[in-house]
């Protein structure tokens, strides 16, 4: 809780205002504090890694860490302990603004553009089988995958679970936020493209 509150206190000089903003934010994410809510969210990260980087997922599974429970802190605190306070506030702003949500206008716009492009490339000889996009993949999930893929070569060299945790713990305050944001954005569009291609069946 202190980690989440710290952002509000950093931005808002009035403690009463900071408290009520914090209070309303906690109410809005109450489900994520439940075991079912966070388990479902971590499972979504797992599914996203599986779809976007099978090699990395297979390696994590081999090391008996494919459940990705280490993402719990990233998701609950919005990467607060991995970033400097200023970067943490910027990251929090992006996440809470529902930046690049798959069920939002930007996601649907990208998928519609890709549908048209794919249909044109196929000479009109393809039809949709129905959307396969998983729309509860929020942007913070793509940030988790972006962070993992940014150090994928180091992770692939890890020989066991302990090595992986040591590598992950070494990230504290060493993350380039702009780089992680751009990578997450690229993964978002990559997933949009994949979901469109998966929904086409050649006649």
Protein backbone atom coordinates (compact mmCIF):
# COMPACT_ATOMS: atom_id res chain seq x y z
CA UNK A 1 0.00 0.00 0.00
CA UNK A 2 2.82 2.41 0.86
CA UNK A 3 4.33 1.90 -2.58
CA UNK A 4 1.06 2.84 -4.27
CA UNK A 5 0.42 5.80 -1.96
CA UNK A 6 3.94 7.11 -2.53
CA UNK A 7 3.07 8.12 -6.10
CA UNK A 8 0.11 10.22 -5.00
CA UNK A 9 2.14 11.92 -2.28
CA UNK A 10 4.93 12.60 -4.80
CA UNK A 11 2.56 14.42 -7.16
CA UNK A 12 -0.01 15.96 -4.81
CA UNK A 13 1.27 18.28 -2.04
CA UNK A 14 -2.07 18.22 -0.23
CA UNK A 15 -2.19 15.03 1.87
CA UNK A 16 -5.99 15.00 2.06
CA UNK A 17 -6.24 15.18 -1.72
CA UNK A 18 -3.59 12.48 -2.06
CA UNK A 19 -5.49 10.25 0.35
CA UNK A 20 -8.81 10.50 -1.50
CA UNK A 21 -7.17 9.90 -4.87
CA UNK A 22 -5.43 6.88 -3.36
CA UNK A 23 -8.71 5.71 -1.79
CA UNK A 24 -10.63 5.90 -5.07
CA UNK A 25 -7.84 4.20 -6.98
CA UNK A 26 -7.77 1.28 -4.52
CA UNK A 27 -11.53 0.88 -4.91
CA UNK A 28 -11.13 0.76 -8.69
CA UNK A 29 -8.61 -2.10 -8.53
CA UNK A 30 -10.11 -3.95 -5.55
CA UNK A 31 -10.45 -7.15 -7.60
CA UNK A 32 -6.69 -7.28 -8.10
CA UNK A 33 -6.21 -7.62 -4.36
CA UNK A 34 -8.30 -10.78 -4.34
CA UNK A 35 -6.60 -14.11 -4.96
CA UNK A 36 -8.80 -14.89 -7.94
CA UNK A 37 -8.30 -11.49 -9.53
CA UNK A 38 -4.52 -11.53 -9.41
CA UNK A 39 -4.28 -15.23 -10.32
CA UNK A 40 -6.32 -14.49 -13.44
CA UNK A 41 -4.11 -11.52 -14.31
CA UNK A 42 -0.88 -13.51 -13.93
CA UNK A 43 -2.42 -16.28 -16.02
CA UNK A 44 -3.03 -13.68 -18.73
CA UNK A 45 0.65 -12.68 -18.64
CA UNK A 46 1.55 -16.35 -19.00
CA UNK A 47 -0.75 -16.70 -22.02
CA UNK A 48 0.70 -13.57 -23.59
CA UNK A 49 4.30 -14.78 -23.19
CA UNK A 50 3.27 -18.14 -24.65
CA UNK A 51 1.79 -16.46 -27.71
CA UNK A 52 4.48 -13.83 -28.29
CA UNK A 53 7.71 -15.59 -27.24
CA UNK A 54 7.36 -19.37 -27.19
CA UNK A 55 11.10 -19.95 -26.79
CA UNK A 56 11.27 -17.83 -23.65
CA UNK A 57 8.12 -19.42 -22.24
CA UNK A 58 9.52 -22.92 -22.88
CA UNK A 59 12.73 -22.01 -21.06
CA UNK A 60 10.85 -20.65 -18.05
CA UNK A 61 8.72 -23.78 -18.02
CA UNK A 62 11.86 -25.94 -18.11
CA UNK A 63 13.14 -24.07 -15.05
CA UNK A 64 9.80 -24.69 -13.30
CA UNK A 65 8.95 -21.00 -13.19
CA UNK A 66 6.40 -20.76 -16.00
CA UNK A 67 3.63 -19.81 -13.56
CA UNK A 68 5.23 -16.32 -13.58
CA UNK A 69 4.22 -15.59 -10.00
CA UNK A 70 7.14 -13.15 -9.84
CA UNK A 71 4.97 -10.81 -11.94
CA UNK A 72 2.67 -10.34 -8.96
CA UNK A 73 4.64 -7.38 -7.58
CA UNK A 74 5.03 -5.78 -11.00
CA UNK A 75 1.29 -5.89 -11.61
CA UNK A 76 0.13 -4.93 -8.14
CA UNK A 77 2.56 -2.03 -7.71
CA UNK A 78 2.84 -0.98 -11.35
CA UNK A 79 6.63 -1.59 -11.43
CA UNK A 80 7.13 0.92 -8.60
CA UNK A 81 10.11 -0.91 -7.08
CA UNK A 82 11.75 -1.48 -10.45
CA UNK A 83 11.71 2.20 -11.47
CA UNK A 84 12.88 5.51 -10.07
CA UNK A 85 10.10 7.53 -8.44
CA UNK A 86 9.71 9.87 -11.43
CA UNK A 87 9.60 7.00 -13.90
CA UNK A 88 7.25 5.14 -11.58
CA UNK A 89 4.79 8.05 -11.69
CA UNK A 90 4.99 8.20 -15.50
CA UNK A 91 4.44 4.45 -15.75
CA UNK A 92 1.51 4.63 -13.35
CA UNK A 93 -0.05 7.41 -15.41
CA UNK A 94 0.17 5.30 -18.57
CA UNK A 95 -1.28 2.21 -16.94
CA UNK A 96 -4.18 4.00 -15.24
CA UNK A 97 -5.04 5.93 -18.40
CA UNK A 98 -5.86 2.54 -20.02
CA UNK A 99 -3.22 3.24 -22.64
CA UNK A 100 -3.54 0.96 -25.70
CA UNK A 101 -6.27 -1.26 -24.29
CA UNK A 102 -7.26 -4.08 -26.64
CA UNK A 103 -10.93 -3.34 -26.05
CA UNK A 104 -10.39 0.36 -26.73
CA UNK A 105 -10.54 2.45 -29.89
CA UNK A 106 -6.80 2.17 -30.64
CA UNK A 107 -6.84 -1.62 -30.50
CA UNK A 108 -9.93 -1.98 -32.67
CA UNK A 109 -8.59 0.60 -35.15
CA UNK A 110 -5.36 -1.36 -35.55
CA UNK A 111 -7.17 -4.69 -35.98
CA UNK A 112 -9.56 -3.23 -38.56
CA UNK A 113 -6.64 -1.82 -40.57
CA UNK A 114 -4.88 -5.20 -40.49
CA UNK A 115 -8.07 -7.00 -41.54
CA UNK A 116 -8.33 -4.80 -44.61
CA UNK A 117 -4.64 -5.25 -45.46
CA UNK A 118 -4.81 -9.03 -45.09
CA UNK A 119 -7.98 -9.25 -47.15
CA UNK A 120 -6.37 -7.16 -49.90
CA UNK A 121 -3.17 -9.24 -49.91
CA UNK A 122 -5.20 -12.42 -50.25
CA UNK A 123 -7.03 -10.95 -53.21
CA UNK A 124 -10.30 -11.11 -51.36
CA UNK A 125 -10.04 -14.90 -51.11
CA UNK A 126 -10.20 -15.10 -47.36
CA UNK A 127 -12.93 -14.84 -44.79
CA UNK A 128 -13.03 -14.18 -41.09
CA UNK A 129 -13.55 -17.12 -38.75
CA UNK A 130 -14.43 -14.82 -35.85
CA UNK A 131 -12.22 -12.70 -33.58
CA UNK A 132 -9.66 -14.53 -31.46
CA UNK A 133 -8.32 -11.50 -29.61
CA UNK A 134 -8.32 -11.78 -25.83
CA UNK A 135 -9.49 -8.32 -24.87
CA UNK A 136 -8.60 -8.43 -21.19
CA UNK A 137 -4.91 -8.19 -22.06
CA UNK A 138 -4.41 -4.74 -20.51
CA UNK A 139 -1.34 -2.63 -21.24
CA UNK A 140 0.39 -3.53 -17.96
CA UNK A 141 0.47 -7.15 -19.14
CA UNK A 142 2.32 -6.08 -22.27
CA UNK A 143 4.74 -4.15 -20.04
CA UNK A 144 5.47 -7.38 -18.14
CA UNK A 145 6.22 -9.21 -21.38
CA UNK A 146 8.29 -6.27 -22.65
CA UNK A 147 10.40 -6.35 -19.49
CA UNK A 148 10.95 -10.10 -19.84
CA UNK A 149 11.81 -9.94 -23.53
CA UNK A 150 14.21 -7.04 -22.92
CA UNK A 151 16.39 -9.43 -20.88
CA UNK A 152 15.43 -12.64 -22.69
CA UNK A 153 19.02 -13.46 -23.67
CA UNK A 154 20.11 -13.23 -20.03
CA UNK A 155 17.13 -15.31 -18.95
CA UNK A 156 17.84 -17.97 -21.57
CA UNK A 157 21.33 -18.33 -20.12
CA UNK A 158 20.01 -18.90 -16.59
CA UNK A 159 20.56 -22.49 -15.54
CA UNK A 160 17.98 -22.67 -12.76
CA UNK A 161 15.22 -20.87 -10.90
CA UNK A 162 17.66 -19.14 -8.54
CA UNK A 163 19.58 -17.63 -11.47
CA UNK A 164 16.36 -16.30 -12.95
CA UNK A 165 15.28 -14.65 -9.70
CA UNK A 166 18.74 -13.12 -9.27
CA UNK A 167 18.52 -11.70 -12.79
CA UNK A 168 15.05 -10.26 -12.17
CA UNK A 169 16.07 -8.72 -8.85
CA UNK A 170 19.02 -7.00 -10.51
CA UNK A 171 16.62 -4.88 -12.56
CA UNK A 172 15.71 -2.52 -9.73
CA UNK A 173 16.13 1.13 -10.85
CA UNK A 174 18.00 0.01 -13.98
CA UNK A 175 15.06 -0.11 -16.39
CA UNK A 176 14.83 2.30 -19.29
CA UNK A 177 11.18 3.31 -19.09
CA UNK A 178 10.97 4.74 -22.61
CA UNK A 179 12.49 1.55 -24.01
CA UNK A 180 10.10 -0.65 -22.04
CA UNK A 181 7.10 1.47 -23.10
CA UNK A 182 8.08 1.32 -26.77
CA UNK A 183 8.67 -2.43 -26.57
CA UNK A 184 5.27 -2.93 -24.92
CA UNK A 185 3.66 -0.83 -27.64
CA UNK A 186 5.34 -2.96 -30.32
CA UNK A 187 4.13 -6.14 -28.58
CA UNK A 188 0.62 -4.71 -28.43
CA UNK A 189 0.57 -4.15 -32.20
CA UNK A 190 2.24 -7.53 -32.76
CA UNK A 191 -0.56 -9.19 -30.80
CA UNK A 192 -3.20 -7.23 -32.74
CA UNK A 193 -1.63 -8.43 -35.99
CA UNK A 194 -1.42 -12.02 -34.77
CA UNK A 195 -5.03 -12.03 -33.61
CA UNK A 196 -6.16 -10.80 -37.05
CA UNK A 197 -4.08 -13.37 -38.94
CA UNK A 198 -5.32 -16.16 -36.66
CA UNK A 199 -8.92 -15.21 -37.41
CA UNK A 200 -8.58 -15.68 -41.18
CA UNK A 201 -9.28 -18.99 -42.91
CA UNK A 202 -8.20 -19.35 -46.51
CA UNK A 203 -10.96 -20.58 -48.81
